[in-house]
Amino acid sequence: MIKHPKQMFGQQARTERFGTVRALHVCKMEETRNVSTHVLKMENRMGQLERSGYPYPLDFATNLILNSLPKSYYTFIMIYNLNGWDKPIFEVNDMLKTA
């Protein structure tokens, strides 16, 4: 029995979305890697979700990125959170470059 195309593509989209969400949540930056490259990679994955109709709220996206950073960024993360900043990801990326 042939499935309806909507069912077939719906399952494929769900599987791809699951893979993207999983990749975001397990992504950890290695100490020797470039922080901008890491942030852009995560931002691209979030863009994939947004294009498929599942955007991450800014604060959640920022928390995912900050949580993926190595221990050397702990002071930056503390300062960011203590100040209650809610910056766009491109600004967080710029701030991390100078951290």
PDB file of N, CA and C in Angstrom:
ATOM      1  N   MET A   1       0.839  -1.181   0.000  1.00  0.00           N
ATOM      2  CA  MET A   1       0.000   0.000   0.000  1.00  0.00           C
ATOM      3  C   MET A   1       0.886   1.247   0.000  1.00  0.00           C
ATOM      4  N   ILE A   2       0.628   2.136  -0.908  1.00  0.00           N
ATOM      5  CA  ILE A   2       1.405   3.367  -1.031  1.00  0.00           C
ATOM      6  C   ILE A   2       0.839   4.414  -0.083  1.00  0.00           C
ATOM      7  N   LYS A   3       1.748   5.021   0.677  1.00  0.00           N
ATOM      8  CA  LYS A   3       1.329   6.075   1.605  1.00  0.00           C
ATOM      9  C   LYS A   3       1.068   7.368   0.855  1.00  0.00           C
ATOM     10  N   HIS A   4       0.230   8.158   1.419  1.00  0.00           N
ATOM     11  CA  HIS A   4      -0.055   9.488   0.883  1.00  0.00           C
ATOM     12  C   HIS A   4       1.228  10.319   0.975  1.00  0.00           C
ATOM     13  N   PRO A   5       1.572  11.109  -0.057  1.00  0.00           N
ATOM     14  CA  PRO A   5       2.810  11.906  -0.030  1.00  0.00           C
ATOM     15  C   PRO A   5       2.954  12.788   1.208  1.00  0.00           C
ATOM     16  N   LYS A   6       1.844  13.318   1.695  1.00  0.00           N
ATOM     17  CA  LYS A   6       1.906  14.183   2.871  1.00  0.00           C
ATOM     18  C   LYS A   6       2.417  13.400   4.082  1.00  0.00           C
ATOM     19  N   GLN A   7       1.983  12.133   4.208  1.00  0.00           N
ATOM     20  CA  GLN A   7       2.444  11.288   5.305  1.00  0.00           C
ATOM     21  C   GLN A   7       3.928  10.978   5.159  1.00  0.00           C
ATOM     22  N   MET A   8       4.343  10.635   3.941  1.00  0.00           N
ATOM     23  CA  MET A   8       5.741  10.284   3.700  1.00  0.00           C
ATOM     24  C   MET A   8       6.657  11.459   3.997  1.00  0.00           C
ATOM     25  N   PHE A   9       6.314  12.628   3.466  1.00  0.00           N
ATOM     26  CA  PHE A   9       7.169  13.795   3.656  1.00  0.00           C
ATOM     27  C   PHE A   9       7.083  14.324   5.079  1.00  0.00           C
ATOM     28  N   GLY A  10       5.932  14.143   5.723  1.00  0.00           N
ATOM     29  CA  GLY A  10       5.783  14.557   7.114  1.00  0.00           C
ATOM     30  C   GLY A  10       6.710  13.767   8.018  1.00  0.00           C
ATOM     31  N   GLN A  11       6.797  12.467   7.787  1.00  0.00           N
ATOM     32  CA  GLN A  11       7.690  11.616   8.576  1.00  0.00           C
ATOM     33  C   GLN A  11       9.148  11.995   8.324  1.00  0.00           C
ATOM     34  N   GLN A  12       9.496  12.253   7.079  1.00  0.00           N
ATOM     35  CA  GLN A  12      10.868  12.639   6.743  1.00  0.00           C
ATOM     36  C   GLN A  12      11.225  13.964   7.414  1.00  0.00           C
ATOM     37  N   ALA A  13      10.321  14.926   7.373  1.00  0.00           N
ATOM     38  CA  ALA A  13      10.570  16.232   7.992  1.00  0.00           C
ATOM     39  C   ALA A  13      10.728  16.081   9.497  1.00  0.00           C
ATOM     40  N   ARG A  14       9.912  15.235  10.101  1.00  0.00           N
ATOM     41  CA  ARG A  14       9.981  15.011  11.544  1.00  0.00           C
ATOM     42  C   ARG A  14      11.327  14.384  11.923  1.00  0.00           C
ATOM     43  N   THR A  15      11.775  13.433  11.113  1.00  0.00           N
ATOM     44  CA  THR A  15      13.056  12.776  11.358  1.00  0.00           C
ATOM     45  C   THR A  15      14.211  13.768  11.221  1.00  0.00           C
ATOM     46  N   GLU A  16      14.166  14.604  10.190  1.00  0.00           N
ATOM     47  CA  GLU A  16      15.210  15.620   9.998  1.00  0.00           C
ATOM     48  C   GLU A  16      15.207  16.627  11.147  1.00  0.00           C
ATOM     49  N   ARG A  17      14.023  17.033  11.574  1.00  0.00           N
ATOM     50  CA  ARG A  17      13.899  17.987  12.676  1.00  0.00           C
ATOM     51  C   ARG A  17      14.481  17.386  13.962  1.00  0.00           C
ATOM     52  N   PHE A  18      14.178  16.119  14.214  1.00  0.00           N
ATOM     53  CA  PHE A  18      14.717  15.442  15.388  1.00  0.00           C
ATOM     54  C   PHE A  18      16.245  15.435  15.349  1.00  0.00           C
ATOM     55  N   GLY A  19      16.799  15.113  14.189  1.00  0.00           N
ATOM     56  CA  GLY A  19      18.255  15.087  14.042  1.00  0.00           C
ATOM     57  C   GLY A  19      18.886  16.448  14.273  1.00  0.00           C
ATOM     58  N   THR A  20      18.243  17.492  13.785  1.00  0.00           N
ATOM     59  CA  THR A  20      18.761  18.852  13.962  1.00  0.00           C
ATOM     60  C   THR A  20      18.699  19.267  15.424  1.00  0.00           C
ATOM     61  N   VAL A  21      17.580  18.982  16.082  1.00  0.00           N
ATOM     62  CA  VAL A  21      17.440  19.328  17.504  1.00  0.00           C
ATOM     63  C   VAL A  21      18.468  18.564  18.329  1.00  0.00           C
ATOM     64  N   ARG A  22      18.633  17.304  18.029  1.00  0.00           N
ATOM     65  CA  ARG A  22      19.616  16.490  18.759  1.00  0.00           C
ATOM     66  C   ARG A  22      21.027  17.052  18.567  1.00  0.00           C
ATOM     67  N   ALA A  23      21.365  17.391  17.334  1.00  0.00           N
ATOM     68  CA  ALA A  23      22.695  17.945  17.047  1.00  0.00           C
ATOM     69  C   ALA A  23      22.924  19.238  17.827  1.00  0.00           C
ATOM     70  N   LEU A  24      21.897  20.064  17.934  1.00  0.00           N
ATOM     71  CA  LEU A  24      22.017  21.312  18.694  1.00  0.00           C
ATOM     72  C   LEU A  24      22.266  21.046  20.172  1.00  0.00           C
ATOM     73  N   HIS A  25      21.549  20.099  20.724  1.00  0.00           N
ATOM     74  CA  HIS A  25      21.619  19.863  22.161  1.00  0.00           C
ATOM     75  C   HIS A  25      22.875  19.118  22.596  1.00  0.00           C
ATOM     76  N   VAL A  26      23.504  18.396  21.710  1.00  0.00           N
ATOM     77  CA  VAL A  26      24.730  17.682  22.083  1.00  0.00           C
ATOM     78  C   VAL A  26      25.989  18.408  21.613  1.00  0.00           C
ATOM     79  N   CYS A  27      25.815  19.490  20.884  1.00  0.00           N
ATOM     80  CA  CYS A  27      26.958  20.223  20.332  1.00  0.00           C
ATOM     81  C   CYS A  27      27.770  20.881  21.454  1.00  0.00           C
ATOM     82  N   LYS A  28      29.040  20.579  21.499  1.00  0.00           N
ATOM     83  CA  LYS A  28      29.948  21.184  22.471  1.00  0.00           C
ATOM     84  C   LYS A  28      31.190  21.674  21.728  1.00  0.00           C
ATOM     85  N   MET A  29      31.580  22.892  22.010  1.00  0.00           N
ATOM     86  CA  MET A  29      32.761  23.457  21.368  1.00  0.00           C
ATOM     87  C   MET A  29      34.021  22.928  22.053  1.00  0.00           C
ATOM     88  N   GLU A  30      34.969  22.498  21.261  1.00  0.00           N
ATOM     89  CA  GLU A  30      36.262  22.083  21.804  1.00  0.00           C
ATOM     90  C   GLU A  30      37.081  23.330  22.098  1.00  0.00           C
ATOM     91  N   GLU A  31      37.897  23.246  23.109  1.00  0.00           N
ATOM     92  CA  GLU A  31      38.698  24.387  23.564  1.00  0.00           C
ATOM     93  C   GLU A  31      39.539  24.996  22.447  1.00  0.00           C
ATOM     94  N   THR A  32      40.015  24.175  21.542  1.00  0.00           N
ATOM     95  CA  THR A  32      40.923  24.658  20.497  1.00  0.00           C
ATOM     96  C   THR A  32      40.205  25.210  19.265  1.00  0.00           C
ATOM     97  N   ARG A  33      38.892  25.140  19.247  1.00  0.00           N
ATOM     98  CA  ARG A  33      38.125  25.592  18.081  1.00  0.00           C
ATOM     99  C   ARG A  33      37.835  27.087  18.131  1.00  0.00           C
ATOM    100  N   ASN A  34      37.493  27.624  16.983  1.00  0.00           N
ATOM    101  CA  ASN A  34      37.147  29.040  16.854  1.00  0.00           C
ATOM    102  C   ASN A  34      35.709  29.253  17.310  1.00  0.00           C
ATOM    103  N   VAL A  35      35.515  30.194  18.236  1.00  0.00           N
ATOM    104  CA  VAL A  35      34.187  30.413  18.809  1.00  0.00           C
ATOM    105  C   VAL A  35      33.194  30.920  17.763  1.00  0.00           C
ATOM    106  N   SER A  36      33.634  31.772  16.850  1.00  0.00           N
ATOM    107  CA  SER A  36      32.721  32.300  15.826  1.00  0.00           C
ATOM    108  C   SER A  36      32.217  31.197  14.905  1.00  0.00           C
ATOM    109  N   THR A  37      33.103  30.307  14.516  1.00  0.00           N
ATOM    110  CA  THR A  37      32.719  29.180  13.669  1.00  0.00           C
ATOM    111  C   THR A  37      31.697  28.308  14.388  1.00  0.00           C
ATOM    112  N   HIS A  38      31.935  28.090  15.664  1.00  0.00           N
ATOM    113  CA  HIS A  38      31.024  27.278  16.471  1.00  0.00           C
ATOM    114  C   HIS A  38      29.639  27.923  16.564  1.00  0.00           C
ATOM    115  N   VAL A  39      29.602  29.211  16.873  1.00  0.00           N
ATOM    116  CA  VAL A  39      28.320  29.923  17.003  1.00  0.00           C
ATOM    117  C   VAL A  39      27.581  29.923  15.666  1.00  0.00           C
ATOM    118  N   LEU A  40      28.287  30.157  14.582  1.00  0.00           N
ATOM    119  CA  LEU A  40      27.651  30.162  13.256  1.00  0.00           C
ATOM    120  C   LEU A  40      27.079  28.792  12.905  1.00  0.00           C
ATOM    121  N   LYS A  41      27.797  27.733  13.273  1.00  0.00           N
ATOM    122  CA  LYS A  41      27.305  26.378  13.016  1.00  0.00           C
ATOM    123  C   LYS A  41      25.990  26.150  13.767  1.00  0.00           C
ATOM    124  N   MET A  42      25.952  26.570  15.023  1.00  0.00           N
ATOM    125  CA  MET A  42      24.727  26.407  15.805  1.00  0.00           C
ATOM    126  C   MET A  42      23.603  27.287  15.258  1.00  0.00           C
ATOM    127  N   GLU A  43      23.959  28.503  14.867  1.00  0.00           N
ATOM    128  CA  GLU A  43      22.963  29.424  14.313  1.00  0.00           C
ATOM    129  C   GLU A  43      22.373  28.861  13.013  1.00  0.00           C
ATOM    130  N   ASN A  44      23.197  28.235  12.192  1.00  0.00           N
ATOM    131  CA  ASN A  44      22.709  27.617  10.951  1.00  0.00           C
ATOM    132  C   ASN A  44      21.717  26.498  11.247  1.00  0.00           C
ATOM    133  N   ARG A  45      22.006  25.699  12.260  1.00  0.00           N
ATOM    134  CA  ARG A  45      21.082  24.621  12.625  1.00  0.00           C
ATOM    135  C   ARG A  45      19.766  25.192  13.132  1.00  0.00           C
ATOM    136  N   MET A  46      19.845  26.269  13.907  1.00  0.00           N
ATOM    137  CA  MET A  46      18.623  26.915  14.386  1.00  0.00           C
ATOM    138  C   MET A  46      17.837  27.505  13.210  1.00  0.00           C
ATOM    139  N   GLY A  47      18.558  27.995  12.207  1.00  0.00           N
ATOM    140  CA  GLY A  47      17.915  28.509  11.000  1.00  0.00           C
ATOM    141  C   GLY A  47      17.173  27.419  10.247  1.00  0.00           C
ATOM    142  N   GLN A  48      17.742  26.210  10.229  1.00  0.00           N
ATOM    143  CA  GLN A  48      17.064  25.075   9.589  1.00  0.00           C
ATOM    144  C   GLN A  48      15.722  24.815  10.269  1.00  0.00           C
ATOM    145  N   LEU A  49      15.734  24.849  11.590  1.00  0.00           N
ATOM    146  CA  LEU A  49      14.486  24.630  12.328  1.00  0.00           C
ATOM    147  C   LEU A  49      13.486  25.746  12.060  1.00  0.00           C
ATOM    148  N   GLU A  50      13.975  26.971  12.038  1.00  0.00           N
ATOM    149  CA  GLU A  50      13.089  28.114  11.798  1.00  0.00           C
ATOM    150  C   GLU A  50      12.438  28.020  10.419  1.00  0.00           C
ATOM    151  N   ARG A  51      13.233  27.651   9.414  1.00  0.00           N
ATOM    152  CA  ARG A  51      12.697  27.531   8.053  1.00  0.00           C
ATOM    153  C   ARG A  51      11.646  26.425   7.945  1.00  0.00           C
ATOM    154  N   SER A  52      11.743  25.434   8.825  1.00  0.00           N
ATOM    155  CA  SER A  52      10.742  24.359   8.792  1.00  0.00           C
ATOM    156  C   SER A  52       9.576  24.637   9.746  1.00  0.00           C
ATOM    157  N   GLY A  53       9.542  25.855  10.293  1.00  0.00           N
ATOM    158  CA  GLY A  53       8.401  26.257  11.111  1.00  0.00           C
ATOM    159  C   GLY A  53       8.560  26.034  12.598  1.00  0.00           C
ATOM    160  N   TYR A  54       9.781  25.778  13.060  1.00  0.00           N
ATOM    161  CA  TYR A  54      10.030  25.521  14.473  1.00  0.00           C
ATOM    162  C   TYR A  54      11.164  26.402  15.003  1.00  0.00           C
ATOM    163  N   PRO A  55      10.910  27.695  15.112  1.00  0.00           N
ATOM    164  CA  PRO A  55      11.970  28.594  15.589  1.00  0.00           C
ATOM    165  C   PRO A  55      12.217  28.441  17.090  1.00  0.00           C
ATOM    166  N   TYR A  56      13.460  28.636  17.492  1.00  0.00           N
ATOM    167  CA  TYR A  56      13.812  28.675  18.911  1.00  0.00           C
ATOM    168  C   TYR A  56      13.668  30.112  19.380  1.00  0.00           C
ATOM    169  N   PRO A  57      13.059  30.336  20.539  1.00  0.00           N
ATOM    170  CA  PRO A  57      13.032  31.699  21.086  1.00  0.00           C
ATOM    171  C   PRO A  57      14.466  32.173  21.344  1.00  0.00           C
ATOM    172  N   LEU A  58      14.700  33.464  21.241  1.00  0.00           N
ATOM    173  CA  LEU A  58      16.048  34.022  21.364  1.00  0.00           C
ATOM    174  C   LEU A  58      16.732  33.607  22.660  1.00  0.00           C
ATOM    175  N   ASP A  59      16.047  33.714  23.792  1.00  0.00           N
ATOM    176  CA  ASP A  59      16.696  33.380  25.065  1.00  0.00           C
ATOM    177  C   ASP A  59      17.079  31.907  25.129  1.00  0.00           C
ATOM    178  N   PHE A  60      16.255  31.040  24.566  1.00  0.00           N
ATOM    179  CA  PHE A  60      16.557  29.617  24.548  1.00  0.00           C
ATOM    180  C   PHE A  60      17.740  29.329  23.625  1.00  0.00           C
ATOM    181  N   ALA A  61      17.753  29.965  22.468  1.00  0.00           N
ATOM    182  CA  ALA A  61      18.856  29.792  21.516  1.00  0.00           C
ATOM    183  C   ALA A  61      20.170  30.262  22.133  1.00  0.00           C
ATOM    184  N   THR A  62      20.124  31.412  22.800  1.00  0.00           N
ATOM    185  CA  THR A  62      21.331  31.942  23.443  1.00  0.00           C
ATOM    186  C   THR A  62      21.811  31.001  24.537  1.00  0.00           C
ATOM    187  N   ASN A  63      20.883  30.481  25.338  1.00  0.00           N
ATOM    188  CA  ASN A  63      21.265  29.543  26.396  1.00  0.00           C
ATOM    189  C   ASN A  63      21.900  28.283  25.827  1.00  0.00           C
ATOM    190  N   LEU A  64      21.378  27.788  24.717  1.00  0.00           N
ATOM    191  CA  LEU A  64      21.974  26.612  24.072  1.00  0.00           C
ATOM    192  C   LEU A  64      23.411  26.896  23.654  1.00  0.00           C
ATOM    193  N   ILE A  65      23.614  28.050  23.059  1.00  0.00           N
ATOM    194  CA  ILE A  65      24.960  28.418  22.612  1.00  0.00           C
ATOM    195  C   ILE A  65      25.898  28.557  23.804  1.00  0.00           C
ATOM    196  N   LEU A  66      25.474  29.300  24.814  1.00  0.00           N
ATOM    197  CA  LEU A  66      26.332  29.502  25.985  1.00  0.00           C
ATOM    198  C   LEU A  66      26.635  28.179  26.682  1.00  0.00           C
ATOM    199  N   ASN A  67      25.656  27.298  26.737  1.00  0.00           N
ATOM    200  CA  ASN A  67      25.850  25.999  27.375  1.00  0.00           C
ATOM    201  C   ASN A  67      26.810  25.103  26.593  1.00  0.00           C
ATOM    202  N   SER A  68      26.983  25.375  25.324  1.00  0.00           N
ATOM    203  CA  SER A  68      27.842  24.540  24.480  1.00  0.00           C
ATOM    204  C   SER A  68      29.313  24.958  24.536  1.00  0.00           C
ATOM    205  N   LEU A  69      29.593  26.060  25.221  1.00  0.00           N
ATOM    206  CA  LEU A  69      30.959  26.586  25.268  1.00  0.00           C
ATOM    207  C   LEU A  69      31.805  25.859  26.310  1.00  0.00           C
ATOM    208  N   PRO A  70      33.124  25.823  26.092  1.00  0.00           N
ATOM    209  CA  PRO A  70      34.006  25.178  27.070  1.00  0.00           C
ATOM    210  C   PRO A  70      34.152  26.011  28.347  1.00  0.00           C
ATOM    211  N   LYS A  71      34.770  25.413  29.346  1.00  0.00           N
ATOM    212  CA  LYS A  71      34.923  26.042  30.664  1.00  0.00           C
ATOM    213  C   LYS A  71      35.658  27.372  30.620  1.00  0.00           C
ATOM    214  N   SER A  72      36.483  27.581  29.638  1.00  0.00           N
ATOM    215  CA  SER A  72      37.238  28.840  29.557  1.00  0.00           C
ATOM    216  C   SER A  72      36.320  30.047  29.354  1.00  0.00           C
ATOM    217  N   TYR A  73      35.066  29.817  28.981  1.00  0.00           N
ATOM    218  CA  TYR A  73      34.099  30.908  28.787  1.00  0.00           C
ATOM    219  C   TYR A  73      33.175  31.076  30.000  1.00  0.00           C
ATOM    220  N   TYR A  74      33.458  30.385  31.082  1.00  0.00           N
ATOM    221  CA  TYR A  74      32.596  30.416  32.256  1.00  0.00           C
ATOM    222  C   TYR A  74      32.391  31.839  32.777  1.00  0.00           C
ATOM    223  N   THR A  75      33.449  32.624  32.858  1.00  0.00           N
ATOM    224  CA  THR A  75      33.330  34.002  33.357  1.00  0.00           C
ATOM    225  C   THR A  75      32.418  34.819  32.445  1.00  0.00           C
ATOM    226  N   PHE A  76      32.591  34.686  31.148  1.00  0.00           N
ATOM    227  CA  PHE A  76      31.728  35.397  30.205  1.00  0.00           C
ATOM    228  C   PHE A  76      30.265  35.011  30.419  1.00  0.00           C
ATOM    229  N   ILE A  77      30.008  33.716  30.554  1.00  0.00           N
ATOM    230  CA  ILE A  77      28.637  33.227  30.731  1.00  0.00           C
ATOM    231  C   ILE A  77      28.035  33.794  32.010  1.00  0.00           C
ATOM    232  N   MET A  78      28.821  33.797  33.083  1.00  0.00           N
ATOM    233  CA  MET A  78      28.341  34.357  34.348  1.00  0.00           C
ATOM    234  C   MET A  78      27.986  35.829  34.208  1.00  0.00           C
ATOM    235  N   ILE A  79      28.871  36.601  33.603  1.00  0.00           N
ATOM    236  CA  ILE A  79      28.635  38.039  33.415  1.00  0.00           C
ATOM    237  C   ILE A  79      27.405  38.264  32.534  1.00  0.00           C
ATOM    238  N   TYR A  80      27.297  37.500  31.461  1.00  0.00           N
ATOM    239  CA  TYR A  80      26.153  37.634  30.550  1.00  0.00           C
ATOM    240  C   TYR A  80      24.841  37.413  31.310  1.00  0.00           C
ATOM    241  N   ASN A  81      24.801  36.349  32.087  1.00  0.00           N
ATOM    242  CA  ASN A  81      23.573  36.022  32.817  1.00  0.00           C
ATOM    243  C   ASN A  81      23.302  36.988  33.966  1.00  0.00           C
ATOM    244  N   LEU A  82      24.332  37.393  34.693  1.00  0.00           N
ATOM    245  CA  LEU A  82      24.139  38.325  35.813  1.00  0.00           C
ATOM    246  C   LEU A  82      23.624  39.681  35.345  1.00  0.00           C
ATOM    247  N   ASN A  83      24.039  40.086  34.149  1.00  0.00           N
ATOM    248  CA  ASN A  83      23.574  41.357  33.602  1.00  0.00           C
ATOM    249  C   ASN A  83      22.189  41.251  32.971  1.00  0.00           C
ATOM    250  N   GLY A  84      21.676  40.042  32.840  1.00  0.00           N
ATOM    251  CA  GLY A  84      20.348  39.852  32.263  1.00  0.00           C
ATOM    252  C   GLY A  84      20.263  40.261  30.808  1.00  0.00           C
ATOM    253  N   TRP A  85      21.373  40.150  30.107  1.00  0.00           N
ATOM    254  CA  TRP A  85      21.386  40.536  28.703  1.00  0.00           C
ATOM    255  C   TRP A  85      20.501  39.604  27.879  1.00  0.00           C
ATOM    256  N   ASP A  86      19.917  40.164  26.848  1.00  0.00           N
ATOM    257  CA  ASP A  86      19.091  39.415  25.901  1.00  0.00           C
ATOM    258  C   ASP A  86      19.454  39.924  24.511  1.00  0.00           C
ATOM    259  N   LYS A  87      20.625  39.553  24.066  1.00  0.00           N
ATOM    260  CA  LYS A  87      21.185  40.089  22.823  1.00  0.00           C
ATOM    261  C   LYS A  87      20.913  39.143  21.655  1.00  0.00           C
ATOM    262  N   PRO A  88      20.824  39.702  20.440  1.00  0.00           N
ATOM    263  CA  PRO A  88      20.738  38.842  19.248  1.00  0.00           C
ATOM    264  C   PRO A  88      22.002  37.988  19.138  1.00  0.00           C
ATOM    265  N   ILE A  89      21.885  36.868  18.491  1.00  0.00           N
ATOM    266  CA  ILE A  89      23.006  35.929  18.414  1.00  0.00           C
ATOM    267  C   ILE A  89      24.232  36.562  17.775  1.00  0.00           C
ATOM    268  N   PHE A  90      24.051  37.420  16.766  1.00  0.00           N
ATOM    269  CA  PHE A  90      25.228  38.036  16.139  1.00  0.00           C
ATOM    270  C   PHE A  90      25.980  38.911  17.141  1.00  0.00           C
ATOM    271  N   GLU A  91      25.268  39.546  18.070  1.00  0.00           N
ATOM    272  CA  GLU A  91      25.936  40.357  19.095  1.00  0.00           C
ATOM    273  C   GLU A  91      26.647  39.475  20.111  1.00  0.00           C
ATOM    274  N   VAL A  92      26.008  38.382  20.489  1.00  0.00           N
ATOM    275  CA  VAL A  92      26.648  37.432  21.406  1.00  0.00           C
ATOM    276  C   VAL A  92      27.926  36.915  20.760  1.00  0.00           C
ATOM    277  N   ASN A  93      27.862  36.607  19.481  1.00  0.00           N
ATOM    278  CA  ASN A  93      29.036  36.139  18.747  1.00  0.00           C
ATOM    279  C   ASN A  93      30.153  37.184  18.799  1.00  0.00           C
ATOM    280  N   ASP A  94      29.813  38.446  18.550  1.00  0.00           N
ATOM    281  CA  ASP A  94      30.815  39.518  18.611  1.00  0.00           C
ATOM    282  C   ASP A  94      31.408  39.641  20.011  1.00  0.00           C
ATOM    283  N   MET A  95      30.568  39.528  21.023  1.00  0.00           N
ATOM    284  CA  MET A  95      31.042  39.620  22.403  1.00  0.00           C
ATOM    285  C   MET A  95      31.976  38.458  22.739  1.00  0.00           C
ATOM    286  N   LEU A  96      31.653  37.274  22.247  1.00  0.00           N
ATOM    287  CA  LEU A  96      32.478  36.098  22.522  1.00  0.00           C
ATOM    288  C   LEU A  96      33.848  36.199  21.860  1.00  0.00           C
ATOM    289  N   LYS A  97      33.912  36.859  20.715  1.00  0.00           N
ATOM    290  CA  LYS A  97      35.200  37.023  20.022  1.00  0.00           C
ATOM    291  C   LYS A  97      36.198  37.776  20.887  1.00  0.00           C
ATOM    292  N   THR A  98      35.690  38.700  21.692  1.00  0.00           N
ATOM    293  CA  THR A  98      36.586  39.524  22.512  1.00  0.00           C
ATOM    294  C   THR A  98      36.695  39.015  23.945  1.00  0.00           C
ATOM    295  N   ALA A  99      35.988  37.932  24.257  1.00  0.00           N
ATOM    296  CA  ALA A  99      36.010  37.398  25.633  1.00  0.00           C
ATOM    297  C   ALA A  99      37.307  36.667  25.914  1.00  0.00           C
TER     298      ALA A  99
END
